[in-house]
C-alpha cells in the first residue's frame, strides 16, 4: 500500500505528522488549506476509515495504524473543543519516501 503522511497545524500552532496507509487522504485534504476543527475530524474519519478498509481488502485485516491515527486526531481535536472558531491547517501531504504530493 502506498503510505502517506499529512502534516497538520492545530489551532494553537502545534504541528503534528499524521499517517495514512493509503493515498486516499489526497482526496480529502489539500496542502495549505484550512479546515474548521469539526470538518477536519470528519474528513479524517472518512479518509482513514477508507484507508483502513483498503488495507483489510488487500491483506485481510484492518490497519491499526489508520485507526490509531484517527484516535490520536480525535483526542487532540477534543482538547480544542472550547476554542472559538478553531481551525486546522493541512500544511503538507508527502509520500512515504518524503516526496511532496
C-alpha atoms as a PDB file:
ATOM      1  CA  UNK A   1       0.000   0.000   0.000  1.00  0.00           C
ATOM      2  CA  UNK A   2       1.314   3.490  -0.765  1.00  0.00           C
ATOM      3  CA  UNK A   3       1.676   5.111   2.646  1.00  0.00           C
ATOM      4  CA  UNK A   4       1.323   8.856   3.077  1.00  0.00           C
ATOM      5  CA  UNK A   5       1.802  11.469   5.740  1.00  0.00           C
ATOM      6  CA  UNK A   6      -0.138  14.655   6.258  1.00  0.00           C
ATOM      7  CA  UNK A   7       1.316  17.381   8.424  1.00  0.00           C
ATOM      8  CA  UNK A   8      -1.215  19.497  10.271  1.00  0.00           C
ATOM      9  CA  UNK A   9      -1.100  22.662  12.342  1.00  0.00           C
ATOM     10  CA  UNK A  10      -3.598  22.765  15.200  1.00  0.00           C
ATOM     11  CA  UNK A  11      -5.323  25.977  16.395  1.00  0.00           C
ATOM     12  CA  UNK A  12      -2.546  26.773  18.908  1.00  0.00           C
ATOM     13  CA  UNK A  13       0.221  26.366  16.322  1.00  0.00           C
ATOM     14  CA  UNK A  14       1.259  22.871  17.427  1.00  0.00           C
ATOM     15  CA  UNK A  15       2.203  20.738  14.435  1.00  0.00           C
ATOM     16  CA  UNK A  16       1.667  17.018  14.077  1.00  0.00           C
ATOM     17  CA  UNK A  17       2.659  14.464  11.448  1.00  0.00           C
ATOM     18  CA  UNK A  18      -0.252  12.126  10.708  1.00  0.00           C
ATOM     19  CA  UNK A  19      -0.073   8.740   8.998  1.00  0.00           C
ATOM     20  CA  UNK A  20      -2.282   7.118   6.377  1.00  0.00           C
ATOM     21  CA  UNK A  21      -1.702   3.682   4.865  1.00  0.00           C
ATOM     22  CA  UNK A  22      -3.296   4.923   1.632  1.00  0.00           C
ATOM     23  CA  UNK A  23      -3.168   7.884  -0.727  1.00  0.00           C
ATOM     24  CA  UNK A  24      -6.923   8.402  -0.152  1.00  0.00           C
ATOM     25  CA  UNK A  25      -6.063  11.388   2.055  1.00  0.00           C
ATOM     26  CA  UNK A  26      -5.265  13.286  -1.154  1.00  0.00           C
ATOM     27  CA  UNK A  27      -8.991  13.159  -1.920  1.00  0.00           C
ATOM     28  CA  UNK A  28      -9.897  14.746   1.417  1.00  0.00           C
ATOM     29  CA  UNK A  29      -7.132  17.262   2.152  1.00  0.00           C
ATOM     30  CA  UNK A  30      -5.366  19.933   0.130  1.00  0.00           C
ATOM     31  CA  UNK A  31      -1.937  21.157   1.237  1.00  0.00           C
ATOM     32  CA  UNK A  32      -2.114  24.692   2.562  1.00  0.00           C
ATOM     33  CA  UNK A  33      -5.855  24.508   3.206  1.00  0.00           C
ATOM     34  CA  UNK A  34      -7.504  25.409   6.475  1.00  0.00           C
ATOM     35  CA  UNK A  35     -10.461  23.408   7.841  1.00  0.00           C
ATOM     36  CA  UNK A  36     -12.894  24.024  10.657  1.00  0.00           C
ATOM     37  CA  UNK A  37     -11.976  21.705  13.520  1.00  0.00           C
ATOM     38  CA  UNK A  38     -15.101  19.551  13.196  1.00  0.00           C
ATOM     39  CA  UNK A  39     -14.731  19.345   9.418  1.00  0.00           C
ATOM     40  CA  UNK A  40     -11.101  18.267   9.777  1.00  0.00           C
ATOM     41  CA  UNK A  41     -12.091  15.494  12.193  1.00  0.00           C
ATOM     42  CA  UNK A  42     -14.899  14.302   9.909  1.00  0.00           C
ATOM     43  CA  UNK A  43     -12.637  14.294   6.856  1.00  0.00           C
ATOM     44  CA  UNK A  44     -10.025  12.390   8.870  1.00  0.00           C
ATOM     45  CA  UNK A  45     -12.620   9.812   9.969  1.00  0.00           C
ATOM     46  CA  UNK A  46     -13.738   9.267   6.414  1.00  0.00           C
ATOM     47  CA  UNK A  47     -10.283   9.166   4.825  1.00  0.00           C
ATOM     48  CA  UNK A  48      -8.685   6.970   7.483  1.00  0.00           C
ATOM     49  CA  UNK A  49     -11.738   4.692   7.534  1.00  0.00           C
ATOM     50  CA  UNK A  50     -11.415   4.156   3.791  1.00  0.00           C
ATOM     51  CA  UNK A  51      -7.650   3.694   4.132  1.00  0.00           C
ATOM     52  CA  UNK A  52      -8.122   1.057   6.818  1.00  0.00           C
ATOM     53  CA  UNK A  53     -10.716  -0.722   4.702  1.00  0.00           C
ATOM     54  CA  UNK A  54      -8.372  -0.761   1.714  1.00  0.00           C
ATOM     55  CA  UNK A  55      -5.765  -2.496   3.854  1.00  0.00           C
ATOM     56  CA  UNK A  56      -8.391  -5.013   5.000  1.00  0.00           C
ATOM     57  CA  UNK A  57      -9.397  -5.733   1.421  1.00  0.00           C
ATOM     58  CA  UNK A  58      -5.790  -6.265   0.331  1.00  0.00           C
ATOM     59  CA  UNK A  59      -4.341  -8.058   3.362  1.00  0.00           C
ATOM     60  CA  UNK A  60      -7.373  -9.437   5.207  1.00  0.00           C
ATOM     61  CA  UNK A  61      -7.092  -7.273   8.332  1.00  0.00           C
ATOM     62  CA  UNK A  62      -7.910  -3.683   9.253  1.00  0.00           C
ATOM     63  CA  UNK A  63      -4.964  -1.320   9.607  1.00  0.00           C
ATOM     64  CA  UNK A  64      -4.323  -0.483  13.243  1.00  0.00           C
ATOM     65  CA  UNK A  65      -2.103   2.390  12.082  1.00  0.00           C
ATOM     66  CA  UNK A  66      -5.101   4.107  10.491  1.00  0.00           C
ATOM     67  CA  UNK A  67      -7.397   3.552  13.457  1.00  0.00           C
ATOM     68  CA  UNK A  68      -4.675   4.565  15.914  1.00  0.00           C
ATOM     69  CA  UNK A  69      -4.015   7.759  13.959  1.00  0.00           C
ATOM     70  CA  UNK A  70      -7.712   8.583  13.975  1.00  0.00           C
ATOM     71  CA  UNK A  71      -7.861   8.062  17.748  1.00  0.00           C
ATOM     72  CA  UNK A  72      -4.953  10.467  18.172  1.00  0.00           C
ATOM     73  CA  UNK A  73      -6.587  13.063  15.901  1.00  0.00           C
ATOM     74  CA  UNK A  74      -9.891  12.804  17.780  1.00  0.00           C
ATOM     75  CA  UNK A  75      -8.156  13.073  21.160  1.00  0.00           C
ATOM     76  CA  UNK A  76      -6.123  16.096  20.055  1.00  0.00           C
ATOM     77  CA  UNK A  77      -9.164  17.774  18.481  1.00  0.00           C
ATOM     78  CA  UNK A  78     -11.155  17.313  21.695  1.00  0.00           C
ATOM     79  CA  UNK A  79      -8.585  19.421  23.543  1.00  0.00           C
ATOM     80  CA  UNK A  80      -9.545  22.370  21.291  1.00  0.00           C
ATOM     81  CA  UNK A  81     -13.286  21.955  21.809  1.00  0.00           C
ATOM     82  CA  UNK A  82     -13.519  25.210  23.779  1.00  0.00           C
ATOM     83  CA  UNK A  83     -11.593  27.257  21.212  1.00  0.00           C
ATOM     84  CA  UNK A  84     -13.892  29.586  19.273  1.00  0.00           C
ATOM     85  CA  UNK A  85     -13.601  29.204  15.501  1.00  0.00           C
ATOM     86  CA  UNK A  86     -10.868  26.568  15.856  1.00  0.00           C
ATOM     87  CA  UNK A  87      -9.207  25.741  12.559  1.00  0.00           C
ATOM     88  CA  UNK A  88      -6.699  23.110  11.469  1.00  0.00           C
ATOM     89  CA  UNK A  89      -4.316  23.683   8.565  1.00  0.00           C
ATOM     90  CA  UNK A  90      -3.049  20.814   6.467  1.00  0.00           C
ATOM     91  CA  UNK A  91       0.454  22.039   5.788  1.00  0.00           C
ATOM     92  CA  UNK A  92       1.626  19.249   3.518  1.00  0.00           C
ATOM     93  CA  UNK A  93       0.994  15.819   2.066  1.00  0.00           C
ATOM     94  CA  UNK A  94       4.022  13.619   1.495  1.00  0.00           C
ATOM     95  CA  UNK A  95       4.689  10.135   0.269  1.00  0.00           C
ATOM     96  CA  UNK A  96       6.444   7.595   2.449  1.00  0.00           C
ATOM     97  CA  UNK A  97       9.662   8.496   0.632  1.00  0.00           C
ATOM     98  CA  UNK A  98       9.248  12.164   1.667  1.00  0.00           C
ATOM     99  CA  UNK A  99       8.238  13.378  -1.775  1.00  0.00           C
ATOM    100  CA  UNK A 100       5.630  16.151  -1.775  1.00  0.00           C
ATOM    101  CA  UNK A 101       2.210  15.350  -3.178  1.00  0.00           C
END
